[in-house]
N, C-alpha and C. Protein backbone atom coordinates (compact mmCIF):
# COMPACT_ATOMS: atom_id res chain seq x y z
N MET A 1 31.52 56.06 -17.09
CA MET A 1 31.72 54.83 -16.38
C MET A 1 32.38 53.78 -17.25
N ILE A 2 31.90 53.66 -18.50
CA ILE A 2 32.48 52.66 -19.39
C ILE A 2 33.91 53.03 -19.77
N THR A 3 34.21 54.33 -19.80
CA THR A 3 35.57 54.77 -20.08
C THR A 3 36.51 54.29 -18.98
N ILE A 4 36.08 54.42 -17.74
CA ILE A 4 36.89 53.96 -16.61
C ILE A 4 37.05 52.45 -16.66
N TYR A 5 35.95 51.74 -16.97
CA TYR A 5 36.01 50.28 -17.06
C TYR A 5 36.98 49.84 -18.16
N ALA A 6 36.95 50.53 -19.30
CA ALA A 6 37.88 50.22 -20.40
C ALA A 6 39.32 50.46 -19.94
N GLY A 7 39.53 51.54 -19.19
CA GLY A 7 40.87 51.83 -18.68
C GLY A 7 41.39 50.73 -17.77
N PHE A 8 40.53 50.24 -16.89
CA PHE A 8 40.93 49.15 -16.00
C PHE A 8 41.11 47.84 -16.76
N THR A 9 40.28 47.60 -17.74
CA THR A 9 40.35 46.34 -18.49
C THR A 9 41.57 46.27 -19.38
N PHE A 10 41.84 47.33 -20.14
CA PHE A 10 42.91 47.28 -21.14
C PHE A 10 44.19 47.98 -20.70
N GLY A 11 44.11 48.78 -19.62
CA GLY A 11 45.31 49.42 -19.09
C GLY A 11 45.99 50.32 -20.12
N PRO A 12 47.18 50.76 -19.78
CA PRO A 12 47.90 51.63 -20.71
C PRO A 12 48.50 50.82 -21.86
N SER A 13 47.68 50.58 -22.87
CA SER A 13 48.12 49.81 -24.03
C SER A 13 47.52 50.42 -25.28
N ILE A 14 47.95 49.94 -26.43
CA ILE A 14 47.39 50.42 -27.69
C ILE A 14 45.92 50.00 -27.83
N ALA A 15 45.51 48.96 -27.11
CA ALA A 15 44.12 48.51 -27.16
C ALA A 15 43.18 49.52 -26.51
N LEU A 16 43.67 50.31 -25.56
CA LEU A 16 42.81 51.25 -24.84
C LEU A 16 42.16 52.29 -25.75
N PRO A 17 42.92 53.05 -26.55
CA PRO A 17 42.23 54.05 -27.39
C PRO A 17 41.25 53.41 -28.38
N PHE A 18 41.60 52.24 -28.90
CA PHE A 18 40.67 51.55 -29.80
C PHE A 18 39.41 51.14 -29.06
N SER A 19 39.57 50.58 -27.87
CA SER A 19 38.39 50.15 -27.11
C SER A 19 37.53 51.35 -26.71
N LEU A 20 38.14 52.48 -26.43
CA LEU A 20 37.36 53.67 -26.09
C LEU A 20 36.55 54.15 -27.30
N LEU A 21 37.17 54.17 -28.47
CA LEU A 21 36.42 54.55 -29.68
C LEU A 21 35.25 53.60 -29.92
N TYR A 22 35.50 52.30 -29.74
CA TYR A 22 34.45 51.29 -29.88
C TYR A 22 33.30 51.58 -28.92
N CYS A 23 33.62 51.78 -27.66
CA CYS A 23 32.59 52.03 -26.64
C CYS A 23 31.79 53.29 -26.94
N TRP A 24 32.49 54.37 -27.25
CA TRP A 24 31.80 55.64 -27.48
C TRP A 24 30.92 55.58 -28.72
N LEU A 25 31.42 54.94 -29.77
CA LEU A 25 30.60 54.80 -30.98
C LEU A 25 29.39 53.90 -30.73
N MET A 26 29.59 52.82 -29.98
CA MET A 26 28.48 51.91 -29.69
C MET A 26 27.40 52.61 -28.87
N ILE A 27 27.80 53.38 -27.87
CA ILE A 27 26.83 54.11 -27.05
C ILE A 27 26.09 55.15 -27.90
N THR A 28 26.82 55.85 -28.75
CA THR A 28 26.21 56.83 -29.64
C THR A 28 25.19 56.16 -30.56
N LEU A 29 25.58 55.03 -31.16
CA LEU A 29 24.67 54.30 -32.05
C LEU A 29 23.43 53.81 -31.31
N CYS A 30 23.61 53.37 -30.08
CA CYS A 30 22.49 52.91 -29.27
C CYS A 30 21.44 54.01 -29.12
N PHE A 31 21.87 55.19 -28.73
CA PHE A 31 20.93 56.28 -28.50
C PHE A 31 20.33 56.82 -29.79
N ILE A 32 21.11 56.84 -30.86
CA ILE A 32 20.56 57.27 -32.15
C ILE A 32 19.46 56.31 -32.60
N ASP A 33 19.71 55.00 -32.44
CA ASP A 33 18.72 54.02 -32.87
C ASP A 33 17.45 54.10 -32.01
N ILE A 34 17.61 54.32 -30.72
CA ILE A 34 16.43 54.48 -29.86
C ILE A 34 15.59 55.66 -30.31
N LYS A 35 16.26 56.77 -30.63
CA LYS A 35 15.54 58.00 -30.97
C LYS A 35 14.98 57.98 -32.40
N THR A 36 15.75 57.44 -33.37
CA THR A 36 15.37 57.58 -34.78
C THR A 36 15.09 56.26 -35.49
N GLN A 37 15.42 55.15 -34.87
CA GLN A 37 15.36 53.82 -35.49
C GLN A 37 16.24 53.77 -36.75
N LEU A 38 17.36 54.47 -36.69
CA LEU A 38 18.35 54.47 -37.76
C LEU A 38 19.73 54.23 -37.17
N LEU A 39 20.55 53.51 -37.91
CA LEU A 39 21.96 53.33 -37.55
C LEU A 39 22.75 53.91 -38.72
N PRO A 40 23.23 55.15 -38.59
CA PRO A 40 23.82 55.85 -39.74
C PRO A 40 25.14 55.22 -40.21
N ASP A 41 25.25 55.17 -41.54
CA ASP A 41 26.47 54.65 -42.17
C ASP A 41 27.71 55.42 -41.75
N ASN A 42 27.57 56.73 -41.52
CA ASN A 42 28.75 57.52 -41.18
C ASN A 42 29.30 57.16 -39.79
N LEU A 43 28.61 56.29 -39.05
CA LEU A 43 29.15 55.76 -37.79
C LEU A 43 29.40 54.25 -37.87
N THR A 44 28.50 53.50 -38.50
CA THR A 44 28.67 52.04 -38.53
C THR A 44 29.85 51.63 -39.42
N LEU A 45 30.02 52.28 -40.55
CA LEU A 45 31.11 51.89 -41.45
C LEU A 45 32.49 52.23 -40.88
N PRO A 46 32.70 53.44 -40.31
CA PRO A 46 34.00 53.67 -39.66
C PRO A 46 34.24 52.70 -38.49
N LEU A 47 33.18 52.33 -37.77
CA LEU A 47 33.32 51.36 -36.69
C LEU A 47 33.82 50.03 -37.23
N LEU A 48 33.28 49.61 -38.37
CA LEU A 48 33.73 48.37 -39.00
C LEU A 48 35.21 48.46 -39.38
N TRP A 49 35.60 49.54 -40.05
CA TRP A 49 36.98 49.68 -40.50
C TRP A 49 37.94 49.84 -39.33
N LEU A 50 37.52 50.50 -38.27
CA LEU A 50 38.37 50.60 -37.07
C LEU A 50 38.60 49.22 -36.46
N GLY A 51 37.58 48.36 -36.48
CA GLY A 51 37.74 47.00 -35.98
C GLY A 51 38.74 46.21 -36.78
N ILE A 52 38.68 46.33 -38.11
CA ILE A 52 39.65 45.66 -38.98
C ILE A 52 41.05 46.21 -38.70
N MET A 53 41.14 47.54 -38.60
CA MET A 53 42.44 48.17 -38.35
C MET A 53 43.02 47.75 -36.99
N ALA A 54 42.18 47.72 -35.96
CA ALA A 54 42.66 47.33 -34.63
C ALA A 54 43.15 45.89 -34.64
N ASN A 55 42.47 45.05 -35.38
CA ASN A 55 42.84 43.64 -35.39
C ASN A 55 43.88 43.29 -36.43
N TYR A 56 44.33 44.29 -37.19
CA TYR A 56 45.49 44.10 -38.05
C TYR A 56 46.69 43.71 -37.19
N SER A 57 46.69 44.25 -35.98
CA SER A 57 47.74 43.92 -35.00
C SER A 57 47.23 42.94 -33.95
N ALA A 58 46.10 42.30 -34.20
CA ALA A 58 45.51 41.30 -33.31
C ALA A 58 45.30 41.84 -31.89
N LEU A 59 44.73 43.03 -31.79
CA LEU A 59 44.47 43.60 -30.46
C LEU A 59 43.36 42.87 -29.73
N PHE A 60 42.31 42.47 -30.44
CA PHE A 60 41.17 41.82 -29.80
C PHE A 60 40.93 40.41 -30.35
N THR A 61 41.32 40.19 -31.59
CA THR A 61 41.23 38.88 -32.25
C THR A 61 42.19 38.91 -33.42
N THR A 62 42.30 37.82 -34.14
CA THR A 62 43.17 37.81 -35.31
C THR A 62 42.53 38.57 -36.46
N LEU A 63 43.34 39.01 -37.40
CA LEU A 63 42.83 39.71 -38.56
C LEU A 63 41.89 38.81 -39.36
N GLU A 64 42.25 37.55 -39.51
CA GLU A 64 41.41 36.60 -40.25
C GLU A 64 40.04 36.46 -39.57
N SER A 65 40.04 36.33 -38.27
CA SER A 65 38.78 36.21 -37.52
C SER A 65 37.94 37.48 -37.64
N ALA A 66 38.61 38.64 -37.63
CA ALA A 66 37.90 39.92 -37.74
C ALA A 66 37.23 40.06 -39.11
N VAL A 67 37.96 39.73 -40.16
CA VAL A 67 37.41 39.84 -41.51
C VAL A 67 36.25 38.85 -41.67
N LEU A 68 36.44 37.62 -41.23
CA LEU A 68 35.35 36.64 -41.29
C LEU A 68 34.17 37.07 -40.42
N GLY A 69 34.44 37.68 -39.27
CA GLY A 69 33.38 38.17 -38.40
C GLY A 69 32.54 39.22 -39.09
N ALA A 70 33.18 40.14 -39.80
CA ALA A 70 32.46 41.18 -40.52
C ALA A 70 31.61 40.57 -41.64
N ILE A 71 32.21 39.67 -42.40
CA ILE A 71 31.50 39.06 -43.53
C ILE A 71 30.34 38.19 -43.04
N LEU A 72 30.62 37.30 -42.10
CA LEU A 72 29.59 36.37 -41.63
C LEU A 72 28.47 37.08 -40.87
N GLY A 73 28.83 38.09 -40.08
CA GLY A 73 27.81 38.85 -39.36
C GLY A 73 26.85 39.52 -40.34
N TYR A 74 27.40 40.20 -41.34
CA TYR A 74 26.57 40.87 -42.33
C TYR A 74 25.70 39.86 -43.07
N LEU A 75 26.32 38.79 -43.56
CA LEU A 75 25.58 37.81 -44.35
C LEU A 75 24.49 37.10 -43.54
N PHE A 76 24.75 36.84 -42.27
CA PHE A 76 23.74 36.18 -41.44
C PHE A 76 22.51 37.06 -41.30
N PHE A 77 22.70 38.33 -40.94
CA PHE A 77 21.54 39.22 -40.78
C PHE A 77 20.86 39.49 -42.12
N TRP A 78 21.65 39.63 -43.19
CA TRP A 78 21.07 39.85 -44.51
C TRP A 78 20.20 38.65 -44.90
N SER A 79 20.67 37.43 -44.60
CA SER A 79 19.91 36.21 -44.91
C SER A 79 18.61 36.15 -44.11
N ILE A 80 18.68 36.47 -42.83
CA ILE A 80 17.48 36.48 -42.00
C ILE A 80 16.48 37.51 -42.54
N TYR A 81 16.98 38.67 -42.91
CA TYR A 81 16.14 39.71 -43.50
C TYR A 81 15.43 39.21 -44.75
N GLN A 82 16.20 38.57 -45.65
CA GLN A 82 15.64 38.10 -46.92
C GLN A 82 14.59 37.01 -46.70
N ILE A 83 14.87 36.07 -45.80
CA ILE A 83 13.92 35.00 -45.50
C ILE A 83 12.63 35.58 -44.92
N HIS A 84 12.78 36.50 -43.97
CA HIS A 84 11.60 37.13 -43.36
C HIS A 84 10.79 37.89 -44.40
N ARG A 85 11.47 38.61 -45.27
CA ARG A 85 10.79 39.39 -46.30
C ARG A 85 10.04 38.47 -47.28
N LEU A 86 10.65 37.34 -47.63
CA LEU A 86 9.98 36.40 -48.53
C LEU A 86 8.76 35.77 -47.88
N LEU A 87 8.87 35.46 -46.58
CA LEU A 87 7.75 34.80 -45.89
C LEU A 87 6.62 35.74 -45.54
N THR A 88 6.94 36.99 -45.20
CA THR A 88 5.91 37.91 -44.71
C THR A 88 5.63 39.07 -45.64
N GLY A 89 6.55 39.36 -46.55
CA GLY A 89 6.39 40.54 -47.40
C GLY A 89 6.74 41.83 -46.69
N LYS A 90 7.29 41.74 -45.48
CA LYS A 90 7.64 42.92 -44.69
C LYS A 90 9.13 42.91 -44.35
N GLN A 91 9.63 44.12 -44.06
CA GLN A 91 11.00 44.23 -43.57
C GLN A 91 11.02 43.84 -42.10
N GLY A 92 11.97 43.01 -41.71
CA GLY A 92 12.07 42.61 -40.31
C GLY A 92 13.11 43.39 -39.54
N MET A 93 14.05 43.96 -40.27
CA MET A 93 15.09 44.80 -39.65
C MET A 93 15.63 45.72 -40.72
N GLY A 94 16.39 46.70 -40.26
CA GLY A 94 16.95 47.66 -41.20
C GLY A 94 18.36 47.28 -41.62
N TYR A 95 18.82 47.89 -42.70
CA TYR A 95 20.16 47.61 -43.21
C TYR A 95 21.24 48.04 -42.23
N GLY A 96 20.94 49.01 -41.39
CA GLY A 96 21.91 49.45 -40.39
C GLY A 96 22.27 48.33 -39.43
N ASP A 97 21.32 47.44 -39.14
CA ASP A 97 21.61 46.30 -38.27
C ASP A 97 22.63 45.37 -38.92
N PHE A 98 22.55 45.20 -40.25
CA PHE A 98 23.53 44.36 -40.95
C PHE A 98 24.94 44.94 -40.76
N LYS A 99 25.03 46.26 -40.92
CA LYS A 99 26.33 46.92 -40.83
C LYS A 99 26.86 46.92 -39.41
N LEU A 100 25.95 47.07 -38.45
CA LEU A 100 26.38 47.06 -37.05
C LEU A 100 26.89 45.68 -36.64
N ILE A 101 26.21 44.61 -37.02
CA ILE A 101 26.69 43.27 -36.65
C ILE A 101 28.01 42.98 -37.39
N ALA A 102 28.16 43.49 -38.60
CA ALA A 102 29.43 43.34 -39.31
C ALA A 102 30.55 44.05 -38.56
N ALA A 103 30.26 45.26 -38.07
CA ALA A 103 31.26 46.01 -37.31
C ALA A 103 31.62 45.29 -36.01
N ILE A 104 30.62 44.77 -35.32
CA ILE A 104 30.90 44.02 -34.09
C ILE A 104 31.74 42.80 -34.41
N GLY A 105 31.40 42.10 -35.49
CA GLY A 105 32.20 40.94 -35.92
C GLY A 105 33.64 41.32 -36.21
N ALA A 106 33.86 42.51 -36.77
CA ALA A 106 35.22 42.97 -37.06
C ALA A 106 36.01 43.23 -35.78
N TRP A 107 35.33 43.53 -34.70
CA TRP A 107 36.00 43.79 -33.43
C TRP A 107 36.22 42.52 -32.62
N VAL A 108 35.23 41.66 -32.55
CA VAL A 108 35.32 40.49 -31.65
C VAL A 108 35.63 39.19 -32.38
N GLY A 109 35.51 39.17 -33.70
CA GLY A 109 35.80 37.97 -34.47
C GLY A 109 34.59 37.09 -34.66
N TRP A 110 34.69 36.21 -35.64
CA TRP A 110 33.55 35.35 -35.99
C TRP A 110 33.20 34.37 -34.87
N GLU A 111 34.17 33.97 -34.06
CA GLU A 111 33.91 32.98 -33.02
C GLU A 111 32.92 33.48 -31.97
N LEU A 112 32.89 34.78 -31.72
CA LEU A 112 32.01 35.33 -30.70
C LEU A 112 30.68 35.86 -31.26
N LEU A 113 30.51 35.80 -32.58
CA LEU A 113 29.25 36.26 -33.16
C LEU A 113 28.03 35.49 -32.65
N PRO A 114 28.10 34.16 -32.50
CA PRO A 114 26.92 33.47 -31.97
C PRO A 114 26.49 34.01 -30.60
N MET A 115 27.47 34.36 -29.77
CA MET A 115 27.14 34.90 -28.46
C MET A 115 26.51 36.29 -28.59
N VAL A 116 27.02 37.12 -29.48
CA VAL A 116 26.46 38.46 -29.69
C VAL A 116 25.01 38.32 -30.17
N ILE A 117 24.79 37.43 -31.10
CA ILE A 117 23.43 37.24 -31.64
C ILE A 117 22.50 36.69 -30.56
N PHE A 118 23.00 35.73 -29.78
CA PHE A 118 22.20 35.15 -28.70
C PHE A 118 21.83 36.20 -27.66
N LEU A 119 22.82 36.94 -27.16
CA LEU A 119 22.56 37.95 -26.12
C LEU A 119 21.63 39.05 -26.62
N SER A 120 21.86 39.54 -27.83
CA SER A 120 21.02 40.62 -28.35
C SER A 120 19.60 40.12 -28.62
N SER A 121 19.47 38.90 -29.08
CA SER A 121 18.14 38.34 -29.34
C SER A 121 17.36 38.14 -28.05
N ILE A 122 18.01 37.61 -27.03
CA ILE A 122 17.36 37.42 -25.73
C ILE A 122 16.96 38.77 -25.15
N GLY A 123 17.86 39.74 -25.23
CA GLY A 123 17.54 41.09 -24.73
C GLY A 123 16.36 41.70 -25.47
N GLY A 124 16.36 41.61 -26.79
CA GLY A 124 15.25 42.15 -27.58
C GLY A 124 13.95 41.44 -27.31
N LEU A 125 14.01 40.12 -27.18
CA LEU A 125 12.81 39.33 -26.90
C LEU A 125 12.22 39.71 -25.54
N LEU A 126 13.05 39.77 -24.52
CA LEU A 126 12.55 40.11 -23.17
C LEU A 126 11.99 41.52 -23.15
N PHE A 127 12.69 42.46 -23.77
CA PHE A 127 12.20 43.83 -23.82
C PHE A 127 10.85 43.89 -24.54
N GLY A 128 10.77 43.22 -25.69
CA GLY A 128 9.53 43.22 -26.46
C GLY A 128 8.36 42.64 -25.68
N LEU A 129 8.60 41.51 -25.01
CA LEU A 129 7.52 40.89 -24.23
C LEU A 129 7.05 41.79 -23.10
N VAL A 130 8.00 42.36 -22.37
CA VAL A 130 7.63 43.25 -21.26
C VAL A 130 6.92 44.49 -21.80
N ALA A 131 7.42 45.07 -22.89
CA ALA A 131 6.80 46.28 -23.45
C ALA A 131 5.38 46.00 -23.93
N ILE A 132 5.17 44.84 -24.52
CA ILE A 132 3.81 44.48 -24.98
C ILE A 132 2.90 44.23 -23.79
N LEU A 133 3.40 43.52 -22.79
CA LEU A 133 2.58 43.24 -21.60
C LEU A 133 2.21 44.52 -20.85
N LEU A 134 3.13 45.47 -20.82
CA LEU A 134 2.85 46.75 -20.15
C LEU A 134 2.14 47.73 -21.08
N LYS A 135 1.82 47.28 -22.27
CA LYS A 135 1.08 48.06 -23.26
C LYS A 135 1.83 49.33 -23.70
N HIS A 136 3.17 49.26 -23.72
CA HIS A 136 3.97 50.37 -24.25
C HIS A 136 4.17 50.21 -25.75
N TYR A 137 4.04 49.00 -26.24
CA TYR A 137 4.18 48.70 -27.66
C TYR A 137 3.05 47.78 -28.08
N HIS A 138 2.66 47.91 -29.34
CA HIS A 138 1.75 46.94 -29.95
C HIS A 138 2.64 45.87 -30.58
N TYR A 139 2.15 44.67 -30.70
CA TYR A 139 3.00 43.58 -31.19
C TYR A 139 3.50 43.83 -32.62
N ASN A 140 2.86 44.70 -33.37
CA ASN A 140 3.33 45.03 -34.72
C ASN A 140 4.26 46.25 -34.74
N SER A 141 4.45 46.90 -33.61
CA SER A 141 5.29 48.09 -33.56
C SER A 141 6.77 47.71 -33.70
N PRO A 142 7.51 48.48 -34.49
CA PRO A 142 8.94 48.19 -34.61
C PRO A 142 9.69 48.57 -33.33
N ILE A 143 10.62 47.72 -32.96
CA ILE A 143 11.48 47.98 -31.81
C ILE A 143 12.91 48.06 -32.33
N PRO A 144 13.63 49.14 -32.05
CA PRO A 144 15.01 49.22 -32.54
C PRO A 144 15.87 48.10 -31.94
N PHE A 145 16.60 47.42 -32.80
CA PHE A 145 17.44 46.30 -32.37
C PHE A 145 18.86 46.74 -32.04
N GLY A 146 19.25 47.92 -32.50
CA GLY A 146 20.60 48.43 -32.26
C GLY A 146 21.02 48.46 -30.80
N PRO A 147 20.14 48.89 -29.88
CA PRO A 147 20.54 48.90 -28.48
C PRO A 147 20.91 47.51 -27.94
N PHE A 148 20.23 46.50 -28.42
CA PHE A 148 20.52 45.14 -27.96
C PHE A 148 21.81 44.63 -28.59
N LEU A 149 22.04 44.99 -29.85
CA LEU A 149 23.31 44.63 -30.49
C LEU A 149 24.48 45.34 -29.83
N THR A 150 24.32 46.63 -29.54
CA THR A 150 25.43 47.37 -28.94
C THR A 150 25.73 46.84 -27.54
N GLY A 151 24.69 46.55 -26.77
CA GLY A 151 24.91 45.98 -25.44
C GLY A 151 25.64 44.65 -25.50
N ALA A 152 25.20 43.78 -26.41
CA ALA A 152 25.86 42.48 -26.56
C ALA A 152 27.28 42.64 -27.08
N GLY A 153 27.47 43.60 -27.97
CA GLY A 153 28.82 43.86 -28.49
C GLY A 153 29.77 44.36 -27.43
N LEU A 154 29.27 45.20 -26.53
CA LEU A 154 30.11 45.69 -25.43
C LEU A 154 30.44 44.56 -24.44
N ILE A 155 29.43 43.79 -24.10
CA ILE A 155 29.65 42.66 -23.18
C ILE A 155 30.70 41.71 -23.77
N THR A 156 30.58 41.44 -25.04
CA THR A 156 31.48 40.49 -25.68
C THR A 156 32.90 41.04 -25.79
N LEU A 157 33.06 42.31 -26.12
CA LEU A 157 34.41 42.86 -26.21
C LEU A 157 35.10 42.80 -24.84
N PHE A 158 34.37 43.14 -23.80
CA PHE A 158 34.97 43.14 -22.47
C PHE A 158 35.06 41.75 -21.86
N GLY A 159 34.08 40.90 -22.19
CA GLY A 159 34.06 39.56 -21.61
C GLY A 159 34.93 38.57 -22.34
N GLY A 160 35.00 38.73 -23.67
CA GLY A 160 35.82 37.86 -24.49
C GLY A 160 35.57 36.38 -24.26
N ASP A 161 36.63 35.66 -24.00
CA ASP A 161 36.55 34.20 -23.82
C ASP A 161 35.72 33.81 -22.61
N THR A 162 35.74 34.64 -21.55
CA THR A 162 34.95 34.34 -20.37
C THR A 162 33.47 34.34 -20.71
N SER A 163 33.04 35.34 -21.47
CA SER A 163 31.63 35.40 -21.89
C SER A 163 31.29 34.23 -22.79
N PHE A 164 32.23 33.85 -23.64
CA PHE A 164 32.01 32.72 -24.54
C PHE A 164 31.77 31.45 -23.74
N TYR A 165 32.56 31.25 -22.70
CA TYR A 165 32.40 30.08 -21.83
C TYR A 165 31.04 30.12 -21.13
N ARG A 166 30.66 31.28 -20.61
CA ARG A 166 29.36 31.41 -19.93
C ARG A 166 28.20 31.18 -20.90
N TYR A 167 28.36 31.66 -22.12
CA TYR A 167 27.33 31.46 -23.15
C TYR A 167 27.08 29.97 -23.34
N TYR A 168 28.15 29.19 -23.48
CA TYR A 168 27.96 27.75 -23.68
C TYR A 168 27.45 27.06 -22.42
N GLN A 169 27.76 27.58 -21.25
CA GLN A 169 27.17 27.04 -20.03
C GLN A 169 25.65 27.24 -20.04
N ILE A 170 25.19 28.40 -20.48
CA ILE A 170 23.76 28.69 -20.54
C ILE A 170 23.09 27.75 -21.55
N ILE A 171 23.70 27.59 -22.72
CA ILE A 171 23.15 26.70 -23.74
C ILE A 171 23.07 25.27 -23.21
N ASP A 172 24.13 24.79 -22.53
CA ASP A 172 24.12 23.44 -21.95
C ASP A 172 23.02 23.30 -20.90
N PHE A 173 22.84 24.34 -20.08
CA PHE A 173 21.80 24.31 -19.05
C PHE A 173 20.42 24.20 -19.70
N ILE A 174 20.20 25.02 -20.73
CA ILE A 174 18.90 25.00 -21.42
C ILE A 174 18.65 23.63 -22.03
N GLN A 175 19.66 23.08 -22.67
CA GLN A 175 19.49 21.76 -23.30
C GLN A 175 19.26 20.67 -22.26
N SER A 176 19.96 20.72 -21.14
CA SER A 176 19.81 19.68 -20.13
C SER A 176 18.48 19.79 -19.39
N SER A 177 17.86 20.98 -19.37
CA SER A 177 16.60 21.11 -18.65
C SER A 177 15.37 20.97 -19.55
N MET A 178 15.59 20.73 -20.83
CA MET A 178 14.44 20.53 -21.74
C MET A 178 13.85 19.15 -21.51
N TRP A 179 12.53 19.07 -21.69
CA TRP A 179 11.82 17.79 -21.56
C TRP A 179 11.74 17.17 -22.94
N TYR A 180 12.18 15.97 -23.04
CA TYR A 180 12.15 15.31 -24.35
C TYR A 180 10.97 14.42 -24.45
């Protein structure tokens, strides 16, 4: 289904084979993480380099934005990991998540990383709450974050600027409905 959607979205262009590789790798990573709670380097690192290569010709974003997206995505998750580890003494996420967000940043650029992080965090939070309420998980049980990152990464690649606009509409709505 996603292959057909990519075909309709990108049409017969050089972006199509790149977008198909992105989609197939993201789906593969999603299922691997669900099953093993691992995001293997032999998939995340080629995904990162393919994003840089695709954006060398600015297929999805500029090369500068792609490189900054990879760097900032990795550093943001690495920083969150380090802060969590210092405060709790526990690992909050795996290194594969750092590499996956870096790869997504290489594909969509640094400008869309806040949306990827927002969407994946909301998805993970909602899943975690429902799973705990339904007693499928204990609140200390690890939940793989890769599926939420891959979902947000796919939405962002296909949605692009439209998703970015909707993201800020949601943020504005939340801010305007808060009680001060």
